[in-house]
PDB file of N, CA and C in Angstrom:
ATOM      1  N   UNK A   1     -15.114   9.105   5.310  1.00  0.00           N
ATOM      2  CA  UNK A   1     -15.875   8.002   4.450  1.00  0.00           C
ATOM      3  C   UNK A   1     -16.482   6.949   4.518  1.00  0.00           C
ATOM      4  N   UNK A   2     -17.660   6.906   4.878  1.00  0.00           N
ATOM      5  CA  UNK A   2     -18.067   5.806   4.920  1.00  0.00           C
ATOM      6  C   UNK A   2     -19.393   5.232   4.182  1.00  0.00           C
ATOM      7  N   UNK A   3     -18.862   4.152   4.025  1.00  0.00           N
ATOM      8  CA  UNK A   3     -19.903   3.145   2.726  1.00  0.00           C
ATOM      9  C   UNK A   3     -20.816   2.458   3.414  1.00  0.00           C
ATOM     10  N   UNK A   4     -22.059   1.879   3.221  1.00  0.00           N
ATOM     11  CA  UNK A   4     -23.089   1.403   3.819  1.00  0.00           C
ATOM     12  C   UNK A   4     -23.984   0.356   2.548  1.00  0.00           C
ATOM     13  N   UNK A   5     -24.051  -0.701   3.201  1.00  0.00           N
ATOM     14  CA  UNK A   5     -24.782  -1.492   2.369  1.00  0.00           C
ATOM     15  C   UNK A   5     -26.121  -1.450   3.311  1.00  0.00           C
ATOM     16  N   UNK A   6     -27.099  -1.898   2.272  1.00  0.00           N
ATOM     17  CA  UNK A   6     -28.553  -2.165   3.189  1.00  0.00           C
ATOM     18  C   UNK A   6     -29.021  -3.086   2.498  1.00  0.00           C
ATOM     19  N   UNK A   7     -30.416  -3.886   3.034  1.00  0.00           N
ATOM     20  CA  UNK A   7     -30.888  -4.974   2.621  1.00  0.00           C
ATOM     21  C   UNK A   7     -31.984  -4.474   2.878  1.00  0.00           C
ATOM     22  N   UNK A   8     -32.922  -4.203   2.030  1.00  0.00           N
ATOM     23  CA  UNK A   8     -34.598  -3.586   2.077  1.00  0.00           C
ATOM     24  C   UNK A   8     -35.394  -4.638   1.788  1.00  0.00           C
ATOM     25  N   UNK A   9     -36.043  -4.513   2.672  1.00  0.00           N
ATOM     26  CA  UNK A   9     -37.290  -5.796   2.292  1.00  0.00           C
ATOM     27  C   UNK A   9     -38.800  -4.618   2.327  1.00  0.00           C
ATOM     28  N   UNK A  10     -38.673  -4.830   1.108  1.00  0.00           N
ATOM     29  CA  UNK A  10     -40.202  -4.129   0.467  1.00  0.00           C
ATOM     30  C   UNK A  10     -41.406  -4.655   1.053  1.00  0.00           C
ATOM     31  N   UNK A  11     -42.499  -4.191   1.604  1.00  0.00           N
ATOM     32  CA  UNK A  11     -43.685  -4.584   2.061  1.00  0.00           C
ATOM     33  C   UNK A  11     -44.897  -3.882   1.407  1.00  0.00           C
ATOM     34  N   UNK A  12     -44.839  -3.178   0.413  1.00  0.00           N
ATOM     35  CA  UNK A  12     -45.616  -2.479   0.372  1.00  0.00           C
ATOM     36  C   UNK A  12     -46.398  -3.453  -1.581  1.00  0.00           C
ATOM     37  N   UNK A  13     -47.129  -3.084  -2.655  1.00  0.00           N
ATOM     38  CA  UNK A  13     -47.141  -3.297  -3.508  1.00  0.00           C
ATOM     39  C   UNK A  13     -46.660  -2.738  -4.677  1.00  0.00           C
ATOM     40  N   UNK A  14     -46.494  -3.095  -5.471  1.00  0.00           N
ATOM     41  CA  UNK A  14     -45.517  -2.292  -6.674  1.00  0.00           C
ATOM     42  C   UNK A  14     -46.240  -2.360  -8.045  1.00  0.00           C
ATOM     43  N   UNK A  15     -46.500  -1.228  -8.704  1.00  0.00           N
ATOM     44  CA  UNK A  15     -47.033  -1.481 -10.050  1.00  0.00           C
ATOM     45  C   UNK A  15     -45.888  -0.851 -11.190  1.00  0.00           C
ATOM     46  N   UNK A  16     -45.904  -1.782 -11.999  1.00  0.00           N
ATOM     47  CA  UNK A  16     -45.018  -1.415 -13.235  1.00  0.00           C
ATOM     48  C   UNK A  16     -45.408  -0.846 -14.733  1.00  0.00           C
ATOM     49  N   UNK A  17     -45.520   0.102 -14.922  1.00  0.00           N
ATOM     50  CA  UNK A  17     -46.313   0.900 -16.343  1.00  0.00           C
ATOM     51  C   UNK A  17     -46.040   0.393 -17.205  1.00  0.00           C
ATOM     52  N   UNK A  18     -47.028  -0.349 -18.005  1.00  0.00           N
ATOM     53  CA  UNK A  18     -46.539  -1.182 -19.654  1.00  0.00           C
ATOM     54  C   UNK A  18     -46.667  -2.633 -19.531  1.00  0.00           C
ATOM     55  N   UNK A  19     -46.584  -3.035 -17.716  1.00  0.00           N
ATOM     56  CA  UNK A  19     -46.562  -4.065 -17.871  1.00  0.00           C
ATOM     57  C   UNK A  19     -47.515  -5.199 -16.901  1.00  0.00           C
ATOM     58  N   UNK A  20     -48.875  -3.912 -16.470  1.00  0.00           N
ATOM     59  CA  UNK A  20     -49.403  -4.755 -15.448  1.00  0.00           C
ATOM     60  C   UNK A  20     -49.441  -4.197 -13.878  1.00  0.00           C
ATOM     61  N   UNK A  21     -50.083  -4.420 -13.296  1.00  0.00           N
ATOM     62  CA  UNK A  21     -50.294  -4.521 -12.080  1.00  0.00           C
ATOM     63  C   UNK A  21     -48.961  -5.900 -11.247  1.00  0.00           C
ATOM     64  N   UNK A  22     -48.353  -5.328 -10.610  1.00  0.00           N
ATOM     65  CA  UNK A  22     -47.068  -6.847 -10.128  1.00  0.00           C
ATOM     66  C   UNK A  22     -47.484  -6.679  -8.581  1.00  0.00           C
ATOM     67  N   UNK A  23     -47.980  -6.964  -7.764  1.00  0.00           N
ATOM     68  CA  UNK A  23     -47.640  -6.750  -6.142  1.00  0.00           C
ATOM     69  C   UNK A  23     -45.843  -8.533  -5.768  1.00  0.00           C
ATOM     70  N   UNK A  24     -45.833  -7.594  -5.084  1.00  0.00           N
ATOM     71  CA  UNK A  24     -44.520  -8.040  -4.651  1.00  0.00           C
ATOM     72  C   UNK A  24     -44.106  -7.795  -3.225  1.00  0.00           C
ATOM     73  N   UNK A  25     -44.353  -8.770  -2.494  1.00  0.00           N
ATOM     74  CA  UNK A  25     -44.643  -8.738  -0.917  1.00  0.00           C
ATOM     75  C   UNK A  25     -43.836  -9.185  -0.539  1.00  0.00           C
ATOM     76  N   UNK A  26     -42.366  -8.554   0.482  1.00  0.00           N
ATOM     77  CA  UNK A  26     -41.852  -9.412   1.123  1.00  0.00           C
ATOM     78  C   UNK A  26     -40.511  -9.157   0.653  1.00  0.00           C
ATOM     79  N   UNK A  27     -40.070  -8.987  -1.233  1.00  0.00           N
ATOM     80  CA  UNK A  27     -39.239  -9.476  -1.878  1.00  0.00           C
ATOM     81  C   UNK A  27     -38.021  -8.540  -1.483  1.00  0.00           C
ATOM     82  N   UNK A  28     -37.004  -9.016  -1.404  1.00  0.00           N
ATOM     83  CA  UNK A  28     -35.062  -8.333  -0.651  1.00  0.00           C
ATOM     84  C   UNK A  28     -35.099  -7.158  -1.872  1.00  0.00           C
ATOM     85  N   UNK A  29     -34.286  -6.149  -1.716  1.00  0.00           N
ATOM     86  CA  UNK A  29     -34.050  -5.431  -2.320  1.00  0.00           C
ATOM     87  C   UNK A  29     -32.528  -4.967  -2.387  1.00  0.00           C
ATOM     88  N   UNK A  30     -31.544  -4.931  -3.333  1.00  0.00           N
ATOM     89  CA  UNK A  30     -30.079  -4.722  -2.251  1.00  0.00           C
ATOM     90  C   UNK A  30     -29.877  -3.315  -2.722  1.00  0.00           C
ATOM     91  N   UNK A  31     -29.362  -2.053  -1.593  1.00  0.00           N
ATOM     92  CA  UNK A  31     -29.705  -1.271  -2.129  1.00  0.00           C
ATOM     93  C   UNK A  31     -28.032  -0.637  -1.314  1.00  0.00           C
ATOM     94  N   UNK A  32     -26.995  -0.343  -2.389  1.00  0.00           N
ATOM     95  CA  UNK A  32     -25.871   0.008  -2.237  1.00  0.00           C
ATOM     96  C   UNK A  32     -25.453   1.777  -2.033  1.00  0.00           C
ATOM     97  N   UNK A  33     -24.907   2.298  -1.773  1.00  0.00           N
ATOM     98  CA  UNK A  33     -24.340   3.671  -1.755  1.00  0.00           C
ATOM     99  C   UNK A  33     -22.750   4.002  -2.080  1.00  0.00           C
ATOM    100  N   UNK A  34     -23.184   4.748  -3.117  1.00  0.00           N
ATOM    101  CA  UNK A  34     -21.322   4.693  -3.345  1.00  0.00           C
ATOM    102  C   UNK A  34     -21.254   6.274  -3.464  1.00  0.00           C
ATOM    103  N   UNK A  35     -19.616   6.259  -2.415  1.00  0.00           N
ATOM    104  CA  UNK A  35     -19.253   7.795  -2.607  1.00  0.00           C
ATOM    105  C   UNK A  35     -18.346   8.176  -3.911  1.00  0.00           C
ATOM    106  N   UNK A  36     -19.039   8.918  -4.795  1.00  0.00           N
ATOM    107  CA  UNK A  36     -18.624   9.254  -5.885  1.00  0.00           C
ATOM    108  C   UNK A  36     -17.137   9.911  -6.112  1.00  0.00           C
ATOM    109  N   UNK A  37     -17.228  10.645  -5.116  1.00  0.00           N
ATOM    110  CA  UNK A  37     -15.899  10.868  -4.768  1.00  0.00           C
ATOM    111  C   UNK A  37     -14.677   9.834  -4.895  1.00  0.00           C
ATOM    112  N   UNK A  38     -14.712   9.204  -3.946  1.00  0.00           N
ATOM    113  CA  UNK A  38     -13.742   8.329  -3.591  1.00  0.00           C
ATOM    114  C   UNK A  38     -13.424   7.305  -5.164  1.00  0.00           C
ATOM    115  N   UNK A  39     -14.692   6.955  -5.542  1.00  0.00           N
ATOM    116  CA  UNK A  39     -14.588   6.209  -6.782  1.00  0.00           C
ATOM    117  C   UNK A  39     -13.738   7.192  -8.248  1.00  0.00           C
ATOM    118  N   UNK A  40     -14.353   7.961  -8.094  1.00  0.00           N
ATOM    119  CA  UNK A  40     -13.535   9.287  -9.283  1.00  0.00           C
ATOM    120  C   UNK A  40     -12.280   9.189  -8.694  1.00  0.00           C
ATOM    121  N   UNK A  41     -11.842   9.275  -7.789  1.00  0.00           N
ATOM    122  CA  UNK A  41     -10.047   9.578  -7.347  1.00  0.00           C
ATOM    123  C   UNK A  41      -9.619   8.496  -7.890  1.00  0.00           C
ATOM    124  N   UNK A  42     -10.268   6.829  -7.378  1.00  0.00           N
ATOM    125  CA  UNK A  42      -9.589   5.829  -7.701  1.00  0.00           C
ATOM    126  C   UNK A  42      -9.598   6.044  -8.786  1.00  0.00           C
ATOM    127  N   UNK A  43     -10.311   6.292  -9.978  1.00  0.00           N
ATOM    128  CA  UNK A  43     -10.464   5.927 -11.256  1.00  0.00           C
ATOM    129  C   UNK A  43      -9.260   6.913 -12.051  1.00  0.00           C
ATOM    130  N   UNK A  44      -8.900   8.030 -11.480  1.00  0.00           N
ATOM    131  CA  UNK A  44      -7.835   8.957 -11.753  1.00  0.00           C
ATOM    132  C   UNK A  44      -6.376   7.989 -11.599  1.00  0.00           C
ATOM    133  N   UNK A  45      -6.197   7.213 -10.633  1.00  0.00           N
ATOM    134  CA  UNK A  45      -4.794   6.709 -10.461  1.00  0.00           C
ATOM    135  C   UNK A  45      -4.511   5.278 -10.697  1.00  0.00           C
ATOM    136  N   UNK A  46      -5.825   4.910 -11.635  1.00  0.00           N
ATOM    137  CA  UNK A  46      -5.373   3.577 -12.239  1.00  0.00           C
ATOM    138  C   UNK A  46      -4.193   3.357 -12.735  1.00  0.00           C
ATOM    139  N   UNK A  47      -3.699   1.919 -12.473  1.00  0.00           N
ATOM    140  CA  UNK A  47      -2.005   2.192 -13.547  1.00  0.00           C
ATOM    141  C   UNK A  47      -0.987   2.966 -12.366  1.00  0.00           C
ATOM    142  N   UNK A  48      -1.467   3.310 -10.945  1.00  0.00           N
ATOM    143  CA  UNK A  48      -0.273   3.846 -10.389  1.00  0.00           C
ATOM    144  C   UNK A  48       0.188   2.422  -8.962  1.00  0.00           C
ATOM    145  N   UNK A  49       0.651   2.205  -8.720  1.00  0.00           N
ATOM    146  CA  UNK A  49       1.250   1.679  -7.438  1.00  0.00           C
ATOM    147  C   UNK A  49       0.640   2.433  -5.854  1.00  0.00           C
ATOM    148  N   UNK A  50      -0.099   1.786  -5.496  1.00  0.00           N
ATOM    149  CA  UNK A  50      -0.427   2.078  -4.734  1.00  0.00           C
ATOM    150  C   UNK A  50      -0.264   0.995  -2.963  1.00  0.00           C
ATOM    151  N   UNK A  51      -0.575   1.747  -1.906  1.00  0.00           N
ATOM    152  CA  UNK A  51      -1.088   1.232  -1.171  1.00  0.00           C
ATOM    153  C   UNK A  51      -2.125   1.424  -0.052  1.00  0.00           C
ATOM    154  N   UNK A  52      -3.201   0.161  -0.407  1.00  0.00           N
ATOM    155  CA  UNK A  52      -4.085   0.577   0.293  1.00  0.00           C
ATOM    156  C   UNK A  52      -4.679  -0.481   1.495  1.00  0.00           C
ATOM    157  N   UNK A  53      -5.143   0.252   2.663  1.00  0.00           N
ATOM    158  CA  UNK A  53      -5.380   0.242   3.800  1.00  0.00           C
ATOM    159  C   UNK A  53      -6.494  -0.505   4.188  1.00  0.00           C
ATOM    160  N   UNK A  54      -7.080  -1.496   4.771  1.00  0.00           N
ATOM    161  CA  UNK A  54      -8.141  -2.152   4.703  1.00  0.00           C
ATOM    162  C   UNK A  54      -8.417  -2.265   6.021  1.00  0.00           C
ATOM    163  N   UNK A  55      -9.561  -2.373   6.648  1.00  0.00           N
ATOM    164  CA  UNK A  55     -10.141  -2.875   7.759  1.00  0.00           C
ATOM    165  C   UNK A  55      -9.129  -3.868   8.997  1.00  0.00           C
ATOM    166  N   UNK A  56      -8.854  -4.875   7.383  1.00  0.00           N
ATOM    167  CA  UNK A  56      -8.298  -6.285   8.114  1.00  0.00           C
ATOM    168  C   UNK A  56      -6.595  -6.098   7.525  1.00  0.00           C
ATOM    169  N   UNK A  57      -6.059  -5.925   6.743  1.00  0.00           N
ATOM    170  CA  UNK A  57      -4.990  -5.676   6.020  1.00  0.00           C
ATOM    171  C   UNK A  57      -4.410  -4.719   5.188  1.00  0.00           C
ATOM    172  N   UNK A  58      -3.391  -4.541   4.602  1.00  0.00           N
ATOM    173  CA  UNK A  58      -2.753  -3.588   4.058  1.00  0.00           C
ATOM    174  C   UNK A  58      -2.022  -4.381   2.911  1.00  0.00           C
ATOM    175  N   UNK A  59      -2.687  -3.611   1.478  1.00  0.00           N
ATOM    176  CA  UNK A  59      -2.142  -4.455   0.438  1.00  0.00           C
ATOM    177  C   UNK A  59      -1.586  -3.598  -0.505  1.00  0.00           C
ATOM    178  N   UNK A  60      -0.439  -3.907  -1.180  1.00  0.00           N
ATOM    179  CA  UNK A  60       0.166  -3.256  -1.872  1.00  0.00           C
ATOM    180  C   UNK A  60       0.365  -3.907  -3.540  1.00  0.00           C
ATOM    181  N   UNK A  61       0.184  -2.828  -4.305  1.00  0.00           N
ATOM    182  CA  UNK A  61       0.330  -3.060  -5.636  1.00  0.00           C
ATOM    183  C   UNK A  61      -0.756  -2.454  -6.852  1.00  0.00           C
ATOM    184  N   UNK A  62      -0.367  -2.595  -7.986  1.00  0.00           N
ATOM    185  CA  UNK A  62      -0.972  -1.826  -9.143  1.00  0.00           C
ATOM    186  C   UNK A  62      -2.322  -1.952  -9.139  1.00  0.00           C
ATOM    187  N   UNK A  63      -2.698  -0.662  -9.392  1.00  0.00           N
ATOM    188  CA  UNK A  63      -4.254  -0.500  -9.122  1.00  0.00           C
ATOM    189  C   UNK A  63      -4.556  -0.871 -10.620  1.00  0.00           C
ATOM    190  N   UNK A  64      -5.213  -2.449 -11.268  1.00  0.00           N
ATOM    191  CA  UNK A  64      -5.424  -2.511 -12.132  1.00  0.00           C
ATOM    192  C   UNK A  64      -7.195  -2.028 -12.886  1.00  0.00           C
ATOM    193  N   UNK A  65      -8.024  -1.727 -11.978  1.00  0.00           N
ATOM    194  CA  UNK A  65      -9.376  -1.604 -11.790  1.00  0.00           C
ATOM    195  C   UNK A  65     -10.144  -0.952 -10.954  1.00  0.00           C
ATOM    196  N   UNK A  66     -11.216  -0.051 -11.539  1.00  0.00           N
ATOM    197  CA  UNK A  66     -12.352   0.614 -10.148  1.00  0.00           C
ATOM    198  C   UNK A  66     -13.726   0.234 -10.961  1.00  0.00           C
ATOM    199  N   UNK A  67     -14.335  -0.513  -9.847  1.00  0.00           N
ATOM    200  CA  UNK A  67     -16.067  -0.947 -10.295  1.00  0.00           C
ATOM    201  C   UNK A  67     -16.080   0.670  -8.724  1.00  0.00           C
ATOM    202  N   UNK A  68     -17.477   0.365  -9.138  1.00  0.00           N
ATOM    203  CA  UNK A  68     -18.617   1.414  -7.989  1.00  0.00           C
ATOM    204  C   UNK A  68     -18.287   0.660  -6.834  1.00  0.00           C
ATOM    205  N   UNK A  69     -18.102  -0.649  -6.744  1.00  0.00           N
ATOM    206  CA  UNK A  69     -18.032  -1.284  -5.387  1.00  0.00           C
ATOM    207  C   UNK A  69     -16.755  -2.035  -4.632  1.00  0.00           C
ATOM    208  N   UNK A  70     -15.383  -2.278  -6.100  1.00  0.00           N
ATOM    209  CA  UNK A  70     -14.393  -2.882  -5.553  1.00  0.00           C
ATOM    210  C   UNK A  70     -13.642  -2.267  -6.244  1.00  0.00           C
ATOM    211  N   UNK A  71     -12.487  -2.575  -6.051  1.00  0.00           N
ATOM    212  CA  UNK A  71     -10.954  -2.357  -6.885  1.00  0.00           C
ATOM    213  C   UNK A  71      -9.956  -3.679  -7.082  1.00  0.00           C
ATOM    214  N   UNK A  72      -9.478  -3.454  -7.955  1.00  0.00           N
ATOM    215  CA  UNK A  72      -8.517  -4.980  -8.261  1.00  0.00           C
ATOM    216  C   UNK A  72      -7.193  -4.572  -8.577  1.00  0.00           C
ATOM    217  N   UNK A  73      -6.300  -5.164  -7.599  1.00  0.00           N
ATOM    218  CA  UNK A  73      -4.850  -4.932  -7.240  1.00  0.00           C
ATOM    219  C   UNK A  73      -4.016  -5.719  -7.606  1.00  0.00           C
ATOM    220  N   UNK A  74      -3.272  -5.591  -8.629  1.00  0.00           N
ATOM    221  CA  UNK A  74      -2.490  -6.741  -9.215  1.00  0.00           C
ATOM    222  C   UNK A  74      -0.802  -6.324  -8.006  1.00  0.00           C
ATOM    223  N   UNK A  75      -1.278  -7.724  -7.438  1.00  0.00           N
ATOM    224  CA  UNK A  75       0.377  -7.355  -6.050  1.00  0.00           C
ATOM    225  C   UNK A  75       1.469  -8.368  -6.422  1.00  0.00           C
ATOM    226  N   UNK A  76       1.286  -8.778  -7.724  1.00  0.00           N
ATOM    227  CA  UNK A  76       2.507  -9.827  -8.068  1.00  0.00           C
ATOM    228  C   UNK A  76       1.950 -10.319  -9.712  1.00  0.00           C
ATOM    229  N   UNK A  77       3.344 -11.331 -10.080  1.00  0.00           N
ATOM    230  CA  UNK A  77       2.608 -11.560 -11.647  1.00  0.00           C
ATOM    231  C   UNK A  77       1.830 -12.487 -11.008  1.00  0.00           C
ATOM    232  N   UNK A  78       1.456 -13.288 -10.368  1.00  0.00           N
ATOM    233  CA  UNK A  78      -0.054 -14.310 -10.524  1.00  0.00           C
ATOM    234  C   UNK A  78      -0.571 -13.880  -8.883  1.00  0.00           C
ATOM    235  N   UNK A  79      -0.553 -12.640  -8.310  1.00  0.00           N
ATOM    236  CA  UNK A  79      -1.543 -12.455  -7.135  1.00  0.00           C
ATOM    237  C   UNK A  79      -2.828 -10.975  -7.805  1.00  0.00           C
ATOM    238  N   UNK A  80      -3.528 -11.200  -7.664  1.00  0.00           N
ATOM    239  CA  UNK A  80      -4.806 -10.302  -7.573  1.00  0.00           C
ATOM    240  C   UNK A  80      -5.170 -10.454  -6.648  1.00  0.00           C
ATOM    241  N   UNK A  81      -5.601  -9.115  -6.112  1.00  0.00           N
ATOM    242  CA  UNK A  81      -6.738  -8.909  -4.857  1.00  0.00           C
ATOM    243  C   UNK A  81      -7.957  -8.301  -5.434  1.00  0.00           C
ATOM    244  N   UNK A  82      -9.363  -8.249  -4.715  1.00  0.00           N
ATOM    245  CA  UNK A  82     -10.437  -7.206  -4.981  1.00  0.00           C
ATOM    246  C   UNK A  82     -10.754  -6.887  -3.470  1.00  0.00           C
ATOM    247  N   UNK A  83     -10.525  -5.375  -3.575  1.00  0.00           N
ATOM    248  CA  UNK A  83     -11.138  -4.901  -2.120  1.00  0.00           C
ATOM    249  C   UNK A  83     -12.336  -4.371  -2.589  1.00  0.00           C
ATOM    250  N   UNK A  84     -13.070  -4.858  -1.889  1.00  0.00           N
ATOM    251  CA  UNK A  84     -14.173  -3.870  -1.609  1.00  0.00           C
ATOM    252  C   UNK A  84     -14.199  -2.439  -1.246  1.00  0.00           C
ATOM    253  N   UNK A  85     -14.680  -1.467  -2.033  1.00  0.00           N
ATOM    254  CA  UNK A  85     -14.486   0.184  -1.392  1.00  0.00           C
ATOM    255  C   UNK A  85     -14.938   0.200  -0.264  1.00  0.00           C
ATOM    256  N   UNK A  86     -16.282  -0.305   0.393  1.00  0.00           N
ATOM    257  CA  UNK A  86     -16.782  -0.515   1.664  1.00  0.00           C
ATOM    258  C   UNK A  86     -15.632  -0.418   2.906  1.00  0.00           C
ATOM    259  N   UNK A  87     -14.660  -1.753   2.257  1.00  0.00           N
ATOM    260  CA  UNK A  87     -13.817  -2.095   3.341  1.00  0.00           C
ATOM    261  C   UNK A  87     -12.124  -1.127   3.604  1.00  0.00           C
ATOM    262  N   UNK A  88     -12.052  -0.185   2.576  1.00  0.00           N
ATOM    263  CA  UNK A  88     -10.917   0.946   2.622  1.00  0.00           C
ATOM    264  C   UNK A  88     -11.196   1.658   3.493  1.00  0.00           C
ATOM    265  N   UNK A  89      -9.830   1.708   4.073  1.00  0.00           N
ATOM    266  CA  UNK A  89      -9.347   2.852   5.367  1.00  0.00           C
ATOM    267  C   UNK A  89      -9.196   4.097   4.696  1.00  0.00           C
ATOM    268  N   UNK A  90      -8.139   3.323   4.272  1.00  0.00           N
ATOM    269  CA  UNK A  90      -6.996   4.601   3.085  1.00  0.00           C
ATOM    270  C   UNK A  90      -6.182   4.449   2.402  1.00  0.00           C
ATOM    271  N   UNK A  91      -5.797   5.128   1.417  1.00  0.00           N
ATOM    272  CA  UNK A  91      -4.762   4.349   0.336  1.00  0.00           C
ATOM    273  C   UNK A  91      -4.181   6.045   0.052  1.00  0.00           C
ATOM    274  N   UNK A  92      -2.740   5.367  -0.610  1.00  0.00           N
ATOM    275  CA  UNK A  92      -1.405   6.146  -0.897  1.00  0.00           C
ATOM    276  C   UNK A  92      -0.559   5.509  -1.449  1.00  0.00           C
ATOM    277  N   UNK A  93      -0.050   6.703  -2.284  1.00  0.00           N
ATOM    278  CA  UNK A  93       0.932   5.938  -3.706  1.00  0.00           C
ATOM    279  C   UNK A  93       2.167   5.188  -2.693  1.00  0.00           C
ATOM    280  N   UNK A  94       2.453   3.944  -3.442  1.00  0.00           N
ATOM    281  CA  UNK A  94       3.987   3.608  -3.043  1.00  0.00           C
ATOM    282  C   UNK A  94       4.776   3.597  -4.002  1.00  0.00           C
ATOM    283  N   UNK A  95       5.959   4.425  -3.128  1.00  0.00           N
ATOM    284  CA  UNK A  95       6.663   4.505  -4.222  1.00  0.00           C
ATOM    285  C   UNK A  95       8.372   3.585  -4.402  1.00  0.00           C
ATOM    286  N   UNK A  96       7.955   2.407  -3.491  1.00  0.00           N
ATOM    287  CA  UNK A  96       9.081   1.861  -3.121  1.00  0.00           C
ATOM    288  C   UNK A  96       9.198   1.103  -4.289  1.00  0.00           C
ATOM    289  N   UNK A  97      10.602   0.036  -4.780  1.00  0.00           N
ATOM    290  CA  UNK A  97      10.699  -0.532  -5.788  1.00  0.00           C
ATOM    291  C   UNK A  97       9.659  -1.565  -6.220  1.00  0.00           C
ATOM    292  N   UNK A  98       9.139  -2.361  -5.272  1.00  0.00           N
ATOM    293  CA  UNK A  98       8.756  -4.031  -5.173  1.00  0.00           C
ATOM    294  C   UNK A  98       7.160  -3.885  -5.675  1.00  0.00           C
ATOM    295  N   UNK A  99       6.612  -4.769  -6.316  1.00  0.00           N
ATOM    296  CA  UNK A  99       5.510  -4.700  -6.934  1.00  0.00           C
ATOM    297  C   UNK A  99       4.684  -6.164  -6.177  1.00  0.00           C
TER     298      UNK A  99
END
Protein backbone atom coordinates (compact mmCIF):
# COMPACT_ATOMS: atom_id res chain seq x y z
CA UNK A 1 0.00 0.00 0.00
CA UNK A 2 1.65 3.22 -1.08
CA UNK A 3 0.02 6.61 -0.88
CA UNK A 4 1.63 9.66 -2.35
CA UNK A 5 0.88 13.37 -2.15
CA UNK A 6 2.43 15.40 -4.89
CA UNK A 7 2.49 19.16 -5.26
CA UNK A 8 2.80 19.92 -8.96
CA UNK A 9 3.64 23.37 -10.26
CA UNK A 10 2.09 24.22 -13.58
CA UNK A 11 4.43 26.12 -15.86
CA UNK A 12 2.52 26.07 -19.13
CA UNK A 13 -0.47 27.99 -20.39
CA UNK A 14 -3.92 26.49 -19.96
CA UNK A 15 -7.08 27.30 -21.85
CA UNK A 16 -10.56 27.00 -20.51
CA UNK A 17 -13.23 26.28 -23.11
CA UNK A 18 -16.17 28.64 -22.88
CA UNK A 19 -14.32 31.01 -20.55
CA UNK A 20 -11.72 32.32 -23.02
CA UNK A 21 -7.98 31.90 -22.70
CA UNK A 22 -6.55 31.95 -19.23
CA UNK A 23 -2.79 31.87 -18.75
CA UNK A 24 -1.66 30.52 -15.40
CA UNK A 25 2.03 30.19 -14.89
CA UNK A 26 3.59 28.74 -11.77
CA UNK A 27 0.29 28.09 -9.97
CA UNK A 28 0.44 25.12 -7.57
CA UNK A 29 -1.90 22.16 -7.99
CA UNK A 30 -2.49 19.44 -5.41
CA UNK A 31 -2.51 15.96 -6.91
CA UNK A 32 -3.65 13.20 -4.56
CA UNK A 33 -3.41 9.51 -5.38
CA UNK A 34 -6.03 7.42 -3.62
CA UNK A 35 -5.90 3.65 -3.34
CA UNK A 36 -9.48 2.66 -4.23
CA UNK A 37 -9.14 -0.82 -2.71
CA UNK A 38 -8.18 0.50 0.73
CA UNK A 39 -10.93 3.14 0.55
CA UNK A 40 -13.61 0.60 -0.43
CA UNK A 41 -12.45 -1.94 2.16
CA UNK A 42 -12.56 0.66 4.94
CA UNK A 43 -16.06 1.70 3.83
CA UNK A 44 -17.22 -1.91 4.34
CA UNK A 45 -16.14 -1.90 8.00
CA UNK A 46 -17.72 1.41 9.08
CA UNK A 47 -19.20 0.92 12.55
CA UNK A 48 -16.74 -1.83 13.52
CA UNK A 49 -14.13 -1.49 16.23
CA UNK A 50 -10.65 -1.47 14.74
CA UNK A 51 -6.99 -1.28 15.65
CA UNK A 52 -5.32 1.15 13.26
CA UNK A 53 -1.54 1.18 13.26
CA UNK A 54 -0.03 4.36 11.84
CA UNK A 55 3.57 5.35 11.20
CA UNK A 56 3.61 7.06 14.63
CA UNK A 57 1.15 5.28 16.93
CA UNK A 58 -1.72 2.82 17.24
CA UNK A 59 -5.35 3.96 17.55
CA UNK A 60 -8.20 1.75 18.80
CA UNK A 61 -11.85 2.62 18.40
CA UNK A 62 -14.98 2.54 16.30
CA UNK A 63 -14.67 3.56 12.66
CA UNK A 64 -17.19 6.36 12.21
CA UNK A 65 -16.44 7.75 8.75
CA UNK A 66 -14.26 7.09 5.69
CA UNK A 67 -13.19 9.78 3.26
CA UNK A 68 -10.77 9.36 0.33
CA UNK A 69 -7.95 11.00 2.31
CA UNK A 70 -8.75 10.24 5.97
CA UNK A 71 -10.78 8.16 8.41
CA UNK A 72 -12.55 9.15 11.62
CA UNK A 73 -12.07 6.89 14.68
CA UNK A 74 -14.12 7.35 17.85
CA UNK A 75 -11.91 6.10 20.69
CA UNK A 76 -14.17 7.11 23.58
CA UNK A 77 -17.08 9.32 24.53
CA UNK A 78 -15.09 12.51 23.86
CA UNK A 79 -12.09 11.19 21.90
CA UNK A 80 -12.16 11.41 18.13
CA UNK A 81 -9.14 10.83 15.90
CA UNK A 82 -8.77 11.89 12.29
CA UNK A 83 -6.20 9.65 10.64
CA UNK A 84 -4.83 10.31 7.17
CA UNK A 85 -5.09 7.15 5.08
CA UNK A 86 -1.60 7.91 3.80
CA UNK A 87 -0.26 7.36 7.35
CA UNK A 88 -1.94 3.97 7.92
CA UNK A 89 0.38 0.95 8.11
CA UNK A 90 -2.20 -1.73 9.00
CA UNK A 91 -5.81 -2.18 10.09
CA UNK A 92 -7.26 -5.12 12.01
CA UNK A 93 -10.49 -5.86 13.91
CA UNK A 94 -10.48 -5.11 17.63
CA UNK A 95 -12.18 -7.89 19.60
CA UNK A 96 -11.31 -6.48 23.03
CA UNK A 97 -14.02 -5.13 25.33
CA UNK A 98 -12.85 -1.53 25.57
CA UNK A 99 -13.95 1.35 23.31
